[in-house]
Amino acid sequence: MISDSDLIILALAFLLGFISNNTGPQTYEYKDGFVVVDSKYQCPKHCAVNHNHSVYYDEDIKKSNRMYVNKDDLGEKIKKNKRKNKR
């Protein structure tokens, strides 16, 4: 039978997965490509590397030498593909 401690562990595992999916860096469509909205790291404005740039939409970032986007200009959020087991 399932005990109370098993239910608590199951609830905590679900909660941790939910939080990590919604609070970490998120990928969005932006203009003709994609950007990663990340509060901890942003690419410098002069970044010329061909990759999904890390950006943020905070006024403090806008004043620094980091990439900044307007929140209203972001497109659809890109969801990660769930891993499928091959059998």
Protein backbone atom coordinates (compact mmCIF):
# COMPACT_ATOMS: atom_id res chain seq x y z
CA MET A 1 0.00 0.00 0.00
CA ILE A 2 1.15 3.59 -0.58
CA SER A 3 2.21 5.32 2.62
CA ASP A 4 2.02 9.01 3.48
CA SER A 5 5.77 9.39 3.04
CA ASP A 6 5.55 7.94 -0.50
CA LEU A 7 2.87 10.49 -1.40
CA ILE A 8 4.97 13.33 0.01
CA ILE A 9 8.02 12.23 -2.00
CA LEU A 10 5.91 11.97 -5.15
CA ALA A 11 4.43 15.44 -4.60
CA LEU A 12 7.88 16.95 -3.98
CA ALA A 13 9.30 15.34 -7.15
CA PHE A 14 6.41 16.71 -9.21
CA LEU A 15 6.78 20.17 -7.65
CA LEU A 16 10.55 20.30 -8.29
CA GLY A 17 10.05 19.31 -11.94
CA PHE A 18 7.32 21.91 -12.40
CA ILE A 19 9.41 24.67 -10.81
CA SER A 20 12.55 23.87 -12.83
CA ASN A 21 10.56 23.94 -16.10
CA ASN A 22 9.02 27.32 -15.34
CA THR A 23 11.77 29.26 -13.58
CA GLY A 24 14.89 28.45 -15.58
CA PRO A 25 15.97 30.10 -18.84
CA GLN A 26 13.12 30.00 -21.38
CA THR A 27 13.42 30.01 -25.19
CA TYR A 28 11.13 32.32 -27.19
CA GLU A 29 10.65 33.20 -30.84
CA TYR A 30 12.02 36.68 -31.55
CA LYS A 31 11.99 38.40 -34.92
CA ASP A 32 13.57 35.90 -37.35
CA GLY A 33 15.15 33.60 -34.76
CA PHE A 34 15.11 32.56 -31.13
CA VAL A 35 16.34 34.08 -27.88
CA VAL A 36 16.83 32.61 -24.42
CA VAL A 37 15.39 34.82 -21.67
CA ASP A 38 17.76 34.41 -18.72
CA SER A 39 17.98 36.67 -15.67
CA LYS A 40 21.45 35.46 -14.65
CA TYR A 41 23.36 35.87 -17.92
CA GLN A 42 22.91 37.99 -21.04
CA CYS A 43 25.08 38.12 -24.14
CA PRO A 44 27.02 41.35 -24.63
CA LYS A 45 25.57 43.76 -27.21
CA HIS A 46 28.55 43.16 -29.53
CA CYS A 47 28.08 39.34 -29.52
CA ALA A 48 28.63 38.08 -33.08
CA VAL A 49 28.39 34.35 -32.36
CA ASN A 50 25.75 32.48 -34.37
CA HIS A 51 23.61 31.06 -31.53
CA ASN A 52 20.40 31.73 -29.61
CA HIS A 53 21.38 34.85 -27.68
CA SER A 54 20.72 35.11 -23.96
CA VAL A 55 18.73 38.26 -23.21
CA TYR A 56 16.57 39.83 -20.50
CA TYR A 57 13.97 42.56 -20.21
CA ASP A 58 15.04 44.46 -17.12
CA GLU A 59 15.72 48.20 -17.16
CA ASP A 60 19.04 47.69 -15.33
CA ILE A 61 20.20 45.40 -18.14
CA LYS A 62 19.18 47.99 -20.73
CA LYS A 63 21.55 50.51 -19.19
CA SER A 64 24.50 48.10 -19.18
CA ASN A 65 26.35 46.58 -22.13
CA ARG A 66 24.08 43.49 -22.23
CA MET A 67 21.40 42.43 -24.72
CA TYR A 68 17.92 43.67 -23.90
CA VAL A 69 14.50 42.91 -25.44
CA ASN A 70 11.09 44.41 -24.98
CA LYS A 71 8.78 41.87 -23.33
CA ASP A 72 6.00 42.73 -25.80
CA ASP A 73 8.22 41.83 -28.80
CA LEU A 74 8.74 38.24 -27.68
CA GLY A 75 6.89 35.62 -29.71
CA GLU A 76 5.65 32.20 -28.71
CA LYS A 77 7.44 30.27 -25.98
CA ILE A 78 9.28 27.24 -27.34
CA LYS A 79 8.53 24.10 -25.34
CA LYS A 80 11.21 21.47 -24.90
CA ASN A 81 10.49 18.10 -26.44
CA LYS A 82 9.82 15.43 -23.89
CA ARG A 83 12.27 12.54 -24.01
CA LYS A 84 10.77 9.45 -25.56
CA ASN A 85 12.11 6.05 -24.64
CA LYS A 86 13.04 3.91 -27.63
CA ARG A 87 12.17 0.29 -27.14
